[in-house]
Amino acid sequence: MSLVETPDAFDRFAANLPQGVNVFQALGELLRHQPQVTIVKPAGMARGGGTEFVTAADMAFAAIGRAGIGQIEALMGIVPAGGGTQYLANRIGRNRALEAALGADLYDAETAERYGWVTEPSPLTNSTTPSTVSHATSQPCPRA
């Protein structure tokens, strides 16, 4: 599905949002507040909005040599507004969050893991579930 092909795809979802909340931000919040553990496995570039989803998930396993993560909004003179940056400081610390949001650099999987942005760099495989979470259950995950 593409929003270009179906621009009204989220209209029903958007109709129930509180005033001032955009659809993209609401989707990130929906991911963040799932009762199950949420896992993302970026195997390409996650910049701007893609980064917001990586930050909203409970766990992220970035593909070594393929994944890149970074906030690019500063390059365009805008503020990241998808919601993930509010949680980025909790995940990687205030100073690193400022570096990522204002510097607009692209971080590889290993650096993102060292910063705490992703759980672990992982080899690119056909598997949809990282081996370290193969025993994850669908039990609710407590949130901070």
Foldseek 3Di string as FASTA:
>chain_A
DDCVVVVCPCVVVVVPDDPPADPLLVVLVVQLPAQFQFEEEDQAEQEQSNLLNLLSGNAYAYAAPHYKYAYQVLVVVDFRDSNSLVRVCVQQNDVVSCCRRNVRDIDGQVVCCVSRSHVYYDHDDPDPDDPVCPVGDRGGDDDD
